[in-house]
């Protein structure tokens, strides 16, 4: 059993790409699945752009402060998007319930 797990792990690890991402003047070596590479690179570029914008807009000297502000902004965006999606699902369920009620009322007349 352990032998098959070891073989699978070796195969899986060989399929990973080794990439380096630079964020806040630090290089982060990563092993990633090929399908993740593009999204990770785009995300790193967005983070770098936000860091640059924050550094220009505010008198921030510490990279940790800039990274914290950047993290907070992205987390807030994620929460807002999630809330909008949940609201959309709720509205969709309400519309479906209304349509079902209309169909039932219509069918009751026959």
N, C-alpha and C. Protein backbone atom coordinates (compact mmCIF):
# COMPACT_ATOMS: atom_id res chain seq x y z
N UNK A 1 0.82 -1.19 0.00
CA UNK A 1 0.00 0.00 0.00
C UNK A 1 0.87 1.26 0.00
N UNK A 2 1.86 1.30 0.89
CA UNK A 2 2.72 2.47 0.98
C UNK A 2 3.53 2.67 -0.30
N UNK A 3 3.87 1.56 -0.95
CA UNK A 3 4.63 1.63 -2.19
C UNK A 3 3.83 2.35 -3.27
N UNK A 4 2.54 2.07 -3.36
CA UNK A 4 1.72 2.74 -4.37
C UNK A 4 1.55 4.22 -4.06
N UNK A 5 1.47 4.57 -2.78
CA UNK A 5 1.38 5.98 -2.38
C UNK A 5 2.67 6.70 -2.75
N UNK A 6 3.80 6.07 -2.51
CA UNK A 6 5.09 6.67 -2.84
C UNK A 6 5.22 6.88 -4.34
N UNK A 7 4.78 5.89 -5.14
CA UNK A 7 4.83 6.04 -6.59
C UNK A 7 3.94 7.18 -7.06
N UNK A 8 2.73 7.24 -6.49
CA UNK A 8 1.80 8.31 -6.86
C UNK A 8 2.40 9.67 -6.50
N UNK A 9 3.00 9.78 -5.32
CA UNK A 9 3.61 11.03 -4.89
C UNK A 9 4.73 11.45 -5.83
N UNK A 10 5.55 10.51 -6.27
CA UNK A 10 6.64 10.83 -7.19
C UNK A 10 6.09 11.28 -8.53
N UNK A 11 5.05 10.61 -9.02
CA UNK A 11 4.45 11.01 -10.29
C UNK A 11 3.85 12.40 -10.16
N UNK A 12 3.11 12.62 -9.08
CA UNK A 12 2.47 13.91 -8.86
C UNK A 12 3.51 15.03 -8.76
N UNK A 13 4.56 14.81 -8.00
CA UNK A 13 5.59 15.83 -7.82
C UNK A 13 6.30 16.13 -9.14
N UNK A 14 6.46 15.12 -10.00
CA UNK A 14 7.15 15.36 -11.26
C UNK A 14 6.29 16.19 -12.21
N UNK A 15 4.98 16.21 -11.99
CA UNK A 15 4.09 16.98 -12.84
C UNK A 15 4.01 18.45 -12.42
N UNK A 16 4.56 18.78 -11.28
CA UNK A 16 4.51 20.15 -10.79
C UNK A 16 5.58 21.01 -11.47
N UNK A 17 5.22 22.27 -11.67
CA UNK A 17 6.18 23.24 -12.22
C UNK A 17 6.84 23.98 -11.07
N UNK A 18 8.10 24.26 -11.22
CA UNK A 18 8.80 25.07 -10.23
C UNK A 18 8.84 26.49 -10.78
N UNK A 19 8.20 27.40 -10.04
CA UNK A 19 8.16 28.80 -10.47
C UNK A 19 8.63 29.68 -9.32
N UNK A 20 8.96 30.91 -9.65
CA UNK A 20 9.34 31.90 -8.64
C UNK A 20 8.46 33.12 -8.82
N UNK A 21 7.86 33.55 -7.73
CA UNK A 21 7.04 34.76 -7.74
C UNK A 21 7.68 35.78 -6.83
N UNK A 22 7.68 37.02 -7.26
CA UNK A 22 8.22 38.10 -6.44
C UNK A 22 7.06 38.95 -5.93
N UNK A 23 7.00 39.07 -4.62
CA UNK A 23 5.98 39.88 -3.97
C UNK A 23 6.67 40.70 -2.89
N UNK A 24 6.50 42.00 -2.96
CA UNK A 24 7.08 42.92 -1.97
C UNK A 24 8.60 42.72 -1.85
N UNK A 25 9.25 42.65 -2.98
CA UNK A 25 10.72 42.52 -3.05
C UNK A 25 11.25 41.23 -2.46
N UNK A 26 10.40 40.22 -2.35
CA UNK A 26 10.86 38.91 -1.88
C UNK A 26 10.49 37.88 -2.92
N UNK A 27 11.37 36.93 -3.12
CA UNK A 27 11.15 35.87 -4.09
C UNK A 27 10.62 34.63 -3.37
N UNK A 28 9.53 34.08 -3.92
CA UNK A 28 8.90 32.91 -3.34
C UNK A 28 8.94 31.77 -4.36
N UNK A 29 9.79 30.77 -4.11
CA UNK A 29 9.81 29.61 -5.00
C UNK A 29 8.62 28.71 -4.67
N UNK A 30 7.91 28.28 -5.71
CA UNK A 30 6.73 27.44 -5.51
C UNK A 30 6.75 26.26 -6.47
N UNK A 31 6.16 25.18 -6.06
CA UNK A 31 5.89 24.05 -6.93
C UNK A 31 4.38 24.01 -7.13
N UNK A 32 3.95 24.18 -8.38
CA UNK A 32 2.52 24.32 -8.64
C UNK A 32 2.10 23.43 -9.80
N UNK A 33 0.83 23.10 -9.82
CA UNK A 33 0.26 22.37 -10.95
C UNK A 33 0.26 23.31 -12.15
N UNK A 34 0.48 22.79 -13.34
CA UNK A 34 0.53 23.65 -14.54
C UNK A 34 -0.70 24.54 -14.70
N UNK A 35 -1.87 24.02 -14.34
CA UNK A 35 -3.10 24.81 -14.50
C UNK A 35 -3.21 25.95 -13.49
N UNK A 36 -2.38 25.96 -12.47
CA UNK A 36 -2.39 27.04 -11.47
C UNK A 36 -1.44 28.17 -11.81
N UNK A 37 -0.47 27.90 -12.65
CA UNK A 37 0.61 28.87 -12.87
C UNK A 37 0.10 30.24 -13.32
N UNK A 38 -0.73 30.29 -14.32
CA UNK A 38 -1.20 31.57 -14.86
C UNK A 38 -1.95 32.38 -13.79
N UNK A 39 -2.84 31.71 -13.06
CA UNK A 39 -3.59 32.43 -12.02
C UNK A 39 -2.68 32.95 -10.91
N UNK A 40 -1.68 32.17 -10.54
CA UNK A 40 -0.75 32.62 -9.51
C UNK A 40 0.07 33.81 -9.99
N UNK A 41 0.52 33.77 -11.22
CA UNK A 41 1.29 34.90 -11.76
C UNK A 41 0.43 36.16 -11.86
N UNK A 42 -0.81 36.01 -12.30
CA UNK A 42 -1.72 37.16 -12.37
C UNK A 42 -1.98 37.73 -10.98
N UNK A 43 -2.18 36.84 -10.02
CA UNK A 43 -2.42 37.29 -8.65
C UNK A 43 -1.22 38.03 -8.08
N UNK A 44 -0.03 37.52 -8.34
CA UNK A 44 1.19 38.19 -7.86
C UNK A 44 1.32 39.57 -8.48
N UNK A 45 0.98 39.70 -9.78
CA UNK A 45 1.04 41.01 -10.44
C UNK A 45 0.03 41.98 -9.83
N UNK A 46 -1.16 41.48 -9.52
CA UNK A 46 -2.18 42.34 -8.90
C UNK A 46 -1.73 42.81 -7.52
N UNK A 47 -1.14 41.90 -6.77
CA UNK A 47 -0.63 42.26 -5.44
C UNK A 47 0.46 43.31 -5.57
N UNK A 48 1.39 43.11 -6.50
CA UNK A 48 2.47 44.07 -6.70
C UNK A 48 1.92 45.45 -7.10
N UNK A 49 0.90 45.46 -7.97
CA UNK A 49 0.29 46.72 -8.39
C UNK A 49 -0.37 47.42 -7.21
N UNK A 50 -1.05 46.66 -6.37
CA UNK A 50 -1.71 47.27 -5.22
C UNK A 50 -0.67 47.78 -4.22
N UNK A 51 0.40 47.04 -4.03
CA UNK A 51 1.47 47.49 -3.14
C UNK A 51 2.02 48.83 -3.63
N UNK A 52 2.28 48.92 -4.93
CA UNK A 52 2.81 50.16 -5.51
C UNK A 52 1.83 51.31 -5.30
N UNK A 53 0.55 51.04 -5.54
CA UNK A 53 -0.48 52.07 -5.36
C UNK A 53 -0.56 52.53 -3.91
N UNK A 54 -0.52 51.59 -2.98
CA UNK A 54 -0.59 51.94 -1.55
C UNK A 54 0.63 52.73 -1.12
N UNK A 55 1.80 52.34 -1.62
CA UNK A 55 3.03 53.05 -1.26
C UNK A 55 3.01 54.48 -1.79
N UNK A 56 2.40 54.69 -2.97
CA UNK A 56 2.32 56.03 -3.54
C UNK A 56 1.26 56.88 -2.85
N UNK A 57 0.20 56.24 -2.40
CA UNK A 57 -0.93 56.97 -1.81
C UNK A 57 -0.73 57.30 -0.33
N UNK A 58 0.01 56.47 0.36
CA UNK A 58 0.19 56.64 1.81
C UNK A 58 1.66 56.66 2.16
N UNK A 59 1.97 57.30 3.23
CA UNK A 59 3.36 57.37 3.70
C UNK A 59 3.67 56.11 4.50
N UNK A 60 3.79 55.01 3.80
CA UNK A 60 4.05 53.73 4.45
C UNK A 60 5.50 53.35 4.20
N UNK A 61 6.20 53.06 5.26
CA UNK A 61 7.62 52.71 5.13
C UNK A 61 7.87 51.23 5.32
N UNK A 62 6.98 50.58 6.03
CA UNK A 62 7.18 49.18 6.36
C UNK A 62 6.40 48.29 5.38
N UNK A 63 7.08 47.35 4.74
CA UNK A 63 6.44 46.45 3.79
C UNK A 63 5.33 45.63 4.46
N UNK A 64 5.54 45.28 5.71
CA UNK A 64 4.53 44.49 6.42
C UNK A 64 3.21 45.27 6.52
N UNK A 65 3.29 46.57 6.75
CA UNK A 65 2.08 47.39 6.80
C UNK A 65 1.38 47.42 5.44
N UNK A 66 2.15 47.55 4.39
CA UNK A 66 1.59 47.57 3.04
C UNK A 66 0.95 46.22 2.72
N UNK A 67 1.61 45.14 3.08
CA UNK A 67 1.05 43.81 2.84
C UNK A 67 -0.22 43.58 3.65
N UNK A 68 -0.25 44.08 4.87
CA UNK A 68 -1.47 43.96 5.69
C UNK A 68 -2.62 44.73 5.05
N UNK A 69 -2.35 45.94 4.58
CA UNK A 69 -3.38 46.75 3.93
C UNK A 69 -3.86 46.08 2.64
N UNK A 70 -2.94 45.52 1.90
CA UNK A 70 -3.25 44.81 0.66
C UNK A 70 -4.13 43.59 0.96
N UNK A 71 -3.75 42.83 1.96
CA UNK A 71 -4.53 41.66 2.36
C UNK A 71 -5.94 42.04 2.78
N UNK A 72 -6.04 43.12 3.54
CA UNK A 72 -7.35 43.59 3.99
C UNK A 72 -8.23 43.99 2.81
N UNK A 73 -7.66 44.68 1.84
CA UNK A 73 -8.43 45.09 0.67
C UNK A 73 -8.92 43.89 -0.12
N UNK A 74 -8.05 42.91 -0.36
CA UNK A 74 -8.47 41.73 -1.11
C UNK A 74 -9.48 40.89 -0.33
N UNK A 75 -9.30 40.78 0.97
CA UNK A 75 -10.25 40.02 1.78
C UNK A 75 -11.62 40.70 1.77
N UNK A 76 -11.63 42.03 1.83
CA UNK A 76 -12.88 42.79 1.78
C UNK A 76 -13.57 42.60 0.44
N UNK A 77 -12.81 42.66 -0.64
CA UNK A 77 -13.39 42.43 -1.97
C UNK A 77 -14.01 41.04 -2.07
N UNK A 78 -13.33 40.06 -1.52
CA UNK A 78 -13.83 38.69 -1.54
C UNK A 78 -15.13 38.56 -0.75
N UNK A 79 -15.16 39.19 0.42
CA UNK A 79 -16.37 39.16 1.24
C UNK A 79 -17.54 39.84 0.54
N UNK A 80 -17.27 40.98 -0.10
CA UNK A 80 -18.33 41.70 -0.81
C UNK A 80 -18.86 40.88 -1.98
N UNK A 81 -17.97 40.24 -2.70
CA UNK A 81 -18.37 39.40 -3.83
C UNK A 81 -19.21 38.23 -3.34
N UNK A 82 -18.79 37.63 -2.25
CA UNK A 82 -19.53 36.50 -1.68
C UNK A 82 -20.92 36.93 -1.23
N UNK A 83 -21.00 38.09 -0.60
CA UNK A 83 -22.30 38.60 -0.15
C UNK A 83 -23.22 38.86 -1.33
N UNK A 84 -22.69 39.42 -2.41
CA UNK A 84 -23.49 39.67 -3.62
C UNK A 84 -23.98 38.37 -4.24
N UNK A 85 -23.10 37.38 -4.29
CA UNK A 85 -23.48 36.09 -4.85
C UNK A 85 -24.57 35.43 -4.01
N UNK A 86 -24.43 35.50 -2.68
CA UNK A 86 -25.44 34.93 -1.80
C UNK A 86 -26.78 35.64 -1.96
N UNK A 87 -26.72 36.95 -2.12
CA UNK A 87 -27.94 37.73 -2.32
C UNK A 87 -28.60 37.32 -3.63
N UNK A 88 -27.78 37.14 -4.66
CA UNK A 88 -28.30 36.71 -5.96
C UNK A 88 -28.96 35.34 -5.89
N UNK A 89 -28.37 34.42 -5.13
CA UNK A 89 -28.95 33.09 -4.96
C UNK A 89 -30.28 33.19 -4.23
N UNK A 90 -30.34 34.03 -3.20
CA UNK A 90 -31.58 34.21 -2.44
C UNK A 90 -32.68 34.77 -3.33
N UNK A 91 -32.35 35.76 -4.13
CA UNK A 91 -33.33 36.35 -5.04
C UNK A 91 -33.80 35.31 -6.06
N UNK A 92 -32.88 34.50 -6.57
CA UNK A 92 -33.23 33.46 -7.54
C UNK A 92 -34.18 32.45 -6.91
N UNK A 93 -33.91 32.03 -5.68
CA UNK A 93 -34.79 31.09 -4.98
C UNK A 93 -36.18 31.70 -4.79
N UNK A 94 -36.22 32.97 -4.44
CA UNK A 94 -37.51 33.64 -4.25
C UNK A 94 -38.29 33.67 -5.56
N UNK A 95 -37.62 33.96 -6.66
CA UNK A 95 -38.29 34.00 -7.96
C UNK A 95 -38.79 32.62 -8.35
N UNK A 96 -37.98 31.60 -8.11
CA UNK A 96 -38.40 30.22 -8.41
C UNK A 96 -39.63 29.85 -7.59
N UNK A 97 -39.62 30.21 -6.31
CA UNK A 97 -40.77 29.93 -5.45
C UNK A 97 -42.01 30.64 -5.96
N UNK A 98 -41.87 31.89 -6.39
CA UNK A 98 -43.00 32.65 -6.93
C UNK A 98 -43.53 31.98 -8.19
N UNK A 99 -42.62 31.57 -9.08
CA UNK A 99 -43.04 30.90 -10.32
C UNK A 99 -43.75 29.57 -10.02
N UNK A 100 -43.22 28.81 -9.06
CA UNK A 100 -43.86 27.56 -8.67
C UNK A 100 -45.27 27.81 -8.14
N UNK A 101 -45.40 28.83 -7.34
CA UNK A 101 -46.70 29.18 -6.78
C UNK A 101 -47.68 29.58 -7.89
N UNK A 102 -47.20 30.35 -8.86
CA UNK A 102 -48.05 30.75 -9.99
C UNK A 102 -48.48 29.52 -10.79
N UNK A 103 -47.57 28.59 -11.01
CA UNK A 103 -47.89 27.37 -11.77
C UNK A 103 -48.91 26.54 -10.99
N UNK A 104 -48.69 26.39 -9.69
CA UNK A 104 -49.63 25.62 -8.88
C UNK A 104 -51.01 26.26 -8.88
N UNK A 105 -51.08 27.58 -8.78
CA UNK A 105 -52.36 28.28 -8.82
C UNK A 105 -53.04 28.07 -10.18
N UNK A 106 -52.26 28.15 -11.22
CA UNK A 106 -52.81 27.97 -12.57
C UNK A 106 -53.32 26.54 -12.76
N UNK A 107 -52.52 25.57 -12.28
CA UNK A 107 -52.90 24.16 -12.43
C UNK A 107 -54.13 23.83 -11.59
N UNK A 108 -54.33 24.54 -10.49
CA UNK A 108 -55.48 24.29 -9.62
C UNK A 108 -56.79 24.68 -10.30
N UNK A 109 -56.72 25.54 -11.30
CA UNK A 109 -57.94 25.97 -11.97
C UNK A 109 -58.40 24.92 -12.98
N UNK A 110 -57.59 23.93 -13.28
CA UNK A 110 -58.00 22.90 -14.25
C UNK A 110 -58.58 21.72 -13.55
